[in-house]
């Protein structure tokens, strides 16, 4: 299954599926983070997004509820969430970091035309990439990025050829 709607079904590894905000607050505290309404709003904006938004997009969304929030606060909060494993950073071919609240096992498909990022579930054939231990390297995260064209860009790309 390669649809973003699959993310909603696969949130068992996420934090907010079927839970209340107080569960997310407990998760923040468990990870040593202060609980603020702004942090909650930033996470919710990312969690309920149908895309893999940038900090700027999240900022524009959260600013509607918290007009005094700064873009710097959004960036710092997202980086803190990333540092403690609450979210993933997806920056394969875009100049701007994009974020994903889905931290369970999945891959990403990136459109080279419009820069859209979609989640991809299921096995992806991987070449013999060495894991932890080789040359003393300790792997913390692994990410497979599939690059190509979304249906709309594929049509435009084929018509140019």
C-alpha atoms as a PDB file:
ATOM      1  CA  UNK A   1       0.000   0.000   0.000  1.00  0.00           C
ATOM      2  CA  UNK A   2       1.419   3.294  -1.091  1.00  0.00           C
ATOM      3  CA  UNK A   3      -1.247   5.804  -0.154  1.00  0.00           C
ATOM      4  CA  UNK A   4      -0.908   8.523   2.463  1.00  0.00           C
ATOM      5  CA  UNK A   5      -4.209   7.242   3.860  1.00  0.00           C
ATOM      6  CA  UNK A   6      -2.294   4.110   4.796  1.00  0.00           C
ATOM      7  CA  UNK A   7      -0.416   6.259   7.282  1.00  0.00           C
ATOM      8  CA  UNK A   8      -3.606   6.841   9.194  1.00  0.00           C
ATOM      9  CA  UNK A   9      -4.117   3.057   9.407  1.00  0.00           C
ATOM     10  CA  UNK A  10      -0.503   2.396  10.323  1.00  0.00           C
ATOM     11  CA  UNK A  11      -0.209   4.835  13.228  1.00  0.00           C
ATOM     12  CA  UNK A  12       0.195   2.055  15.788  1.00  0.00           C
ATOM     13  CA  UNK A  13       3.809   3.199  16.201  1.00  0.00           C
ATOM     14  CA  UNK A  14       2.731   6.829  16.406  1.00  0.00           C
ATOM     15  CA  UNK A  15       1.673   8.669  19.489  1.00  0.00           C
ATOM     16  CA  UNK A  16      -1.787  10.067  18.925  1.00  0.00           C
ATOM     17  CA  UNK A  17      -3.709   7.152  17.373  1.00  0.00           C
ATOM     18  CA  UNK A  18      -6.725   6.549  19.532  1.00  0.00           C
ATOM     19  CA  UNK A  19      -5.169   8.435  22.404  1.00  0.00           C
ATOM     20  CA  UNK A  20      -5.874  11.748  24.044  1.00  0.00           C
ATOM     21  CA  UNK A  21      -3.634  14.785  24.228  1.00  0.00           C
ATOM     22  CA  UNK A  22      -2.754  13.789  27.801  1.00  0.00           C
ATOM     23  CA  UNK A  23      -1.010  10.680  26.434  1.00  0.00           C
ATOM     24  CA  UNK A  24       1.118  12.872  24.186  1.00  0.00           C
ATOM     25  CA  UNK A  25       1.848  15.104  27.173  1.00  0.00           C
ATOM     26  CA  UNK A  26       3.023  12.043  29.105  1.00  0.00           C
ATOM     27  CA  UNK A  27       5.240  11.078  26.167  1.00  0.00           C
ATOM     28  CA  UNK A  28       6.803  14.551  26.126  1.00  0.00           C
ATOM     29  CA  UNK A  29       7.501  14.336  29.850  1.00  0.00           C
ATOM     30  CA  UNK A  30       8.915  10.811  29.522  1.00  0.00           C
ATOM     31  CA  UNK A  31      11.398  12.171  26.993  1.00  0.00           C
ATOM     32  CA  UNK A  32      12.394  15.069  29.219  1.00  0.00           C
ATOM     33  CA  UNK A  33      10.570  17.807  27.323  1.00  0.00           C
ATOM     34  CA  UNK A  34       8.511  20.593  28.830  1.00  0.00           C
ATOM     35  CA  UNK A  35       4.867  20.512  27.877  1.00  0.00           C
ATOM     36  CA  UNK A  36       3.576  23.651  26.180  1.00  0.00           C
ATOM     37  CA  UNK A  37       0.500  24.393  24.108  1.00  0.00           C
ATOM     38  CA  UNK A  38       2.797  25.460  21.273  1.00  0.00           C
ATOM     39  CA  UNK A  39       4.628  22.116  21.257  1.00  0.00           C
ATOM     40  CA  UNK A  40       1.344  20.280  21.259  1.00  0.00           C
ATOM     41  CA  UNK A  41       0.045  22.417  18.369  1.00  0.00           C
ATOM     42  CA  UNK A  42       3.256  21.910  16.362  1.00  0.00           C
ATOM     43  CA  UNK A  43       3.111  18.140  16.784  1.00  0.00           C
ATOM     44  CA  UNK A  44      -0.590  17.983  15.980  1.00  0.00           C
ATOM     45  CA  UNK A  45      -0.050  20.058  12.847  1.00  0.00           C
ATOM     46  CA  UNK A  46       2.572  17.587  11.655  1.00  0.00           C
ATOM     47  CA  UNK A  47       0.709  14.487  12.824  1.00  0.00           C
ATOM     48  CA  UNK A  48      -2.519  15.338  11.050  1.00  0.00           C
ATOM     49  CA  UNK A  49      -0.852  16.639   7.892  1.00  0.00           C
ATOM     50  CA  UNK A  50      -1.532  14.766   4.664  1.00  0.00           C
ATOM     51  CA  UNK A  51       1.944  15.707   3.445  1.00  0.00           C
ATOM     52  CA  UNK A  52       5.475  15.823   4.797  1.00  0.00           C
ATOM     53  CA  UNK A  53       5.472  19.542   5.581  1.00  0.00           C
ATOM     54  CA  UNK A  54       8.409  21.877   6.024  1.00  0.00           C
ATOM     55  CA  UNK A  55       8.848  23.936   9.189  1.00  0.00           C
ATOM     56  CA  UNK A  56       7.501  26.946   7.271  1.00  0.00           C
ATOM     57  CA  UNK A  57       4.268  25.138   6.387  1.00  0.00           C
ATOM     58  CA  UNK A  58       3.825  23.980   9.987  1.00  0.00           C
ATOM     59  CA  UNK A  59       4.560  27.526  11.173  1.00  0.00           C
ATOM     60  CA  UNK A  60       1.841  28.986   8.898  1.00  0.00           C
ATOM     61  CA  UNK A  61      -0.653  26.448  10.230  1.00  0.00           C
ATOM     62  CA  UNK A  62       0.213  26.866  13.931  1.00  0.00           C
ATOM     63  CA  UNK A  63       0.409  30.668  13.636  1.00  0.00           C
ATOM     64  CA  UNK A  64      -3.355  30.735  13.022  1.00  0.00           C
ATOM     65  CA  UNK A  65      -3.897  29.447  16.568  1.00  0.00           C
ATOM     66  CA  UNK A  66      -0.814  31.049  18.162  1.00  0.00           C
ATOM     67  CA  UNK A  67      -0.165  34.351  16.335  1.00  0.00           C
ATOM     68  CA  UNK A  68       2.815  35.185  18.557  1.00  0.00           C
ATOM     69  CA  UNK A  69       4.747  31.995  17.740  1.00  0.00           C
ATOM     70  CA  UNK A  70       7.972  32.499  15.801  1.00  0.00           C
ATOM     71  CA  UNK A  71       9.367  30.461  12.941  1.00  0.00           C
ATOM     72  CA  UNK A  72      12.468  29.912  15.093  1.00  0.00           C
ATOM     73  CA  UNK A  73      10.342  28.282  17.788  1.00  0.00           C
ATOM     74  CA  UNK A  74       8.850  25.910  15.228  1.00  0.00           C
ATOM     75  CA  UNK A  75      12.315  24.990  13.888  1.00  0.00           C
ATOM     76  CA  UNK A  76      13.739  24.433  17.380  1.00  0.00           C
ATOM     77  CA  UNK A  77      10.719  22.372  18.451  1.00  0.00           C
ATOM     78  CA  UNK A  78      10.868  20.164  15.361  1.00  0.00           C
ATOM     79  CA  UNK A  79      14.598  19.592  15.866  1.00  0.00           C
ATOM     80  CA  UNK A  80      13.995  18.699  19.519  1.00  0.00           C
ATOM     81  CA  UNK A  81      11.206  16.277  18.527  1.00  0.00           C
ATOM     82  CA  UNK A  82      13.607  14.742  15.985  1.00  0.00           C
ATOM     83  CA  UNK A  83      16.429  14.476  18.540  1.00  0.00           C
ATOM     84  CA  UNK A  84      14.236  12.502  20.947  1.00  0.00           C
ATOM     85  CA  UNK A  85      12.699  10.300  18.246  1.00  0.00           C
ATOM     86  CA  UNK A  86       9.154  11.690  18.164  1.00  0.00           C
ATOM     87  CA  UNK A  87       9.371  12.519  14.455  1.00  0.00           C
ATOM     88  CA  UNK A  88      11.530  11.804  11.419  1.00  0.00           C
ATOM     89  CA  UNK A  89      13.266  14.260   9.152  1.00  0.00           C
ATOM     90  CA  UNK A  90      12.886  13.673   5.431  1.00  0.00           C
ATOM     91  CA  UNK A  91      15.323  15.687   3.298  1.00  0.00           C
ATOM     92  CA  UNK A  92      16.286  13.486   0.382  1.00  0.00           C
ATOM     93  CA  UNK A  93      16.331  15.849  -2.603  1.00  0.00           C
ATOM     94  CA  UNK A  94      14.729  19.001  -1.313  1.00  0.00           C
ATOM     95  CA  UNK A  95      16.689  21.978  -0.089  1.00  0.00           C
ATOM     96  CA  UNK A  96      14.384  22.398   2.891  1.00  0.00           C
ATOM     97  CA  UNK A  97      13.970  19.781   5.621  1.00  0.00           C
ATOM     98  CA  UNK A  98      10.576  18.126   5.625  1.00  0.00           C
ATOM     99  CA  UNK A  99       9.145  16.276   8.620  1.00  0.00           C
ATOM    100  CA  UNK A 100       7.112  13.129   9.241  1.00  0.00           C
ATOM    101  CA  UNK A 101       5.273  12.149  12.428  1.00  0.00           C
ATOM    102  CA  UNK A 102       5.202   8.526  11.264  1.00  0.00           C
ATOM    103  CA  UNK A 103       8.250   6.928  12.909  1.00  0.00           C
ATOM    104  CA  UNK A 104       7.328   3.294  12.266  1.00  0.00           C
ATOM    105  CA  UNK A 105       9.036   1.304   9.512  1.00  0.00           C
ATOM    106  CA  UNK A 106       8.366   2.795   6.098  1.00  0.00           C
ATOM    107  CA  UNK A 107      10.140   4.331   3.133  1.00  0.00           C
ATOM    108  CA  UNK A 108       9.650   7.496   1.122  1.00  0.00           C
ATOM    109  CA  UNK A 109       8.908   8.146  -2.531  1.00  0.00           C
ATOM    110  CA  UNK A 110      10.046  11.578  -3.721  1.00  0.00           C
ATOM    111  CA  UNK A 111       8.744  13.150  -6.913  1.00  0.00           C
ATOM    112  CA  UNK A 112      11.591  14.769  -8.843  1.00  0.00           C
ATOM    113  CA  UNK A 113       9.077  17.030 -10.564  1.00  0.00           C
ATOM    114  CA  UNK A 114       6.987  18.615  -7.804  1.00  0.00           C
ATOM    115  CA  UNK A 115       9.028  17.516  -4.739  1.00  0.00           C
ATOM    116  CA  UNK A 116       6.012  15.714  -3.211  1.00  0.00           C
ATOM    117  CA  UNK A 117       6.971  13.095  -0.619  1.00  0.00           C
ATOM    118  CA  UNK A 118       4.790  10.044  -0.108  1.00  0.00           C
ATOM    119  CA  UNK A 119       5.079   7.179   2.355  1.00  0.00           C
ATOM    120  CA  UNK A 120       5.750   3.718   0.969  1.00  0.00           C
ATOM    121  CA  UNK A 121       5.016   0.589   2.991  1.00  0.00           C
ATOM    122  CA  UNK A 122       6.155  -2.919   2.324  1.00  0.00           C
ATOM    123  CA  UNK A 123       9.449  -4.489   1.411  1.00  0.00           C
ATOM    124  CA  UNK A 124      11.789  -2.619  -0.872  1.00  0.00           C
ATOM    125  CA  UNK A 125      14.646  -4.515  -2.397  1.00  0.00           C
ATOM    126  CA  UNK A 126      17.829  -3.079  -0.948  1.00  0.00           C
ATOM    127  CA  UNK A 127      21.322  -3.722  -2.225  1.00  0.00           C
ATOM    128  CA  UNK A 128      23.772  -5.264   0.233  1.00  0.00           C
ATOM    129  CA  UNK A 129      24.054  -2.205   2.433  1.00  0.00           C
ATOM    130  CA  UNK A 130      26.238  -2.952   5.458  1.00  0.00           C
ATOM    131  CA  UNK A 131      24.634  -2.524   8.838  1.00  0.00           C
ATOM    132  CA  UNK A 132      26.101  -1.594  12.206  1.00  0.00           C
ATOM    133  CA  UNK A 133      29.527  -2.850  13.062  1.00  0.00           C
ATOM    134  CA  UNK A 134      31.342  -2.477   9.772  1.00  0.00           C
ATOM    135  CA  UNK A 135      34.344  -0.183  10.204  1.00  0.00           C
ATOM    136  CA  UNK A 136      33.129   0.524  13.739  1.00  0.00           C
ATOM    137  CA  UNK A 137      30.151   2.504  12.395  1.00  0.00           C
ATOM    138  CA  UNK A 138      27.042   2.528  14.600  1.00  0.00           C
ATOM    139  CA  UNK A 139      23.837   3.029  12.558  1.00  0.00           C
ATOM    140  CA  UNK A 140      21.129   5.060  14.284  1.00  0.00           C
ATOM    141  CA  UNK A 141      18.650   5.462  11.444  1.00  0.00           C
ATOM    142  CA  UNK A 142      18.089   3.848   8.079  1.00  0.00           C
ATOM    143  CA  UNK A 143      16.006   5.381   5.314  1.00  0.00           C
ATOM    144  CA  UNK A 144      15.234   4.207   1.795  1.00  0.00           C
ATOM    145  CA  UNK A 145      14.288   6.937  -0.664  1.00  0.00           C
ATOM    146  CA  UNK A 146      12.698   6.066  -3.983  1.00  0.00           C
ATOM    147  CA  UNK A 147      12.988   8.858  -6.542  1.00  0.00           C
ATOM    148  CA  UNK A 148      10.737   9.152  -9.551  1.00  0.00           C
ATOM    149  CA  UNK A 149       7.618  10.944 -10.733  1.00  0.00           C
ATOM    150  CA  UNK A 150       4.154  11.126  -9.193  1.00  0.00           C
ATOM    151  CA  UNK A 151       1.236  10.389 -11.559  1.00  0.00           C
ATOM    152  CA  UNK A 152       0.734  14.069 -12.496  1.00  0.00           C
ATOM    153  CA  UNK A 153       4.434  14.750 -13.114  1.00  0.00           C
ATOM    154  CA  UNK A 154       4.885  11.432 -14.910  1.00  0.00           C
ATOM    155  CA  UNK A 155       2.261  12.460 -17.451  1.00  0.00           C
ATOM    156  CA  UNK A 156       3.967  15.828 -17.957  1.00  0.00           C
ATOM    157  CA  UNK A 157       7.413  14.189 -18.179  1.00  0.00           C
ATOM    158  CA  UNK A 158       6.253  11.636 -20.772  1.00  0.00           C
ATOM    159  CA  UNK A 159       4.547  14.299 -22.879  1.00  0.00           C
ATOM    160  CA  UNK A 160       7.827  16.307 -22.984  1.00  0.00           C
ATOM    161  CA  UNK A 161       9.760  13.270 -24.224  1.00  0.00           C
END
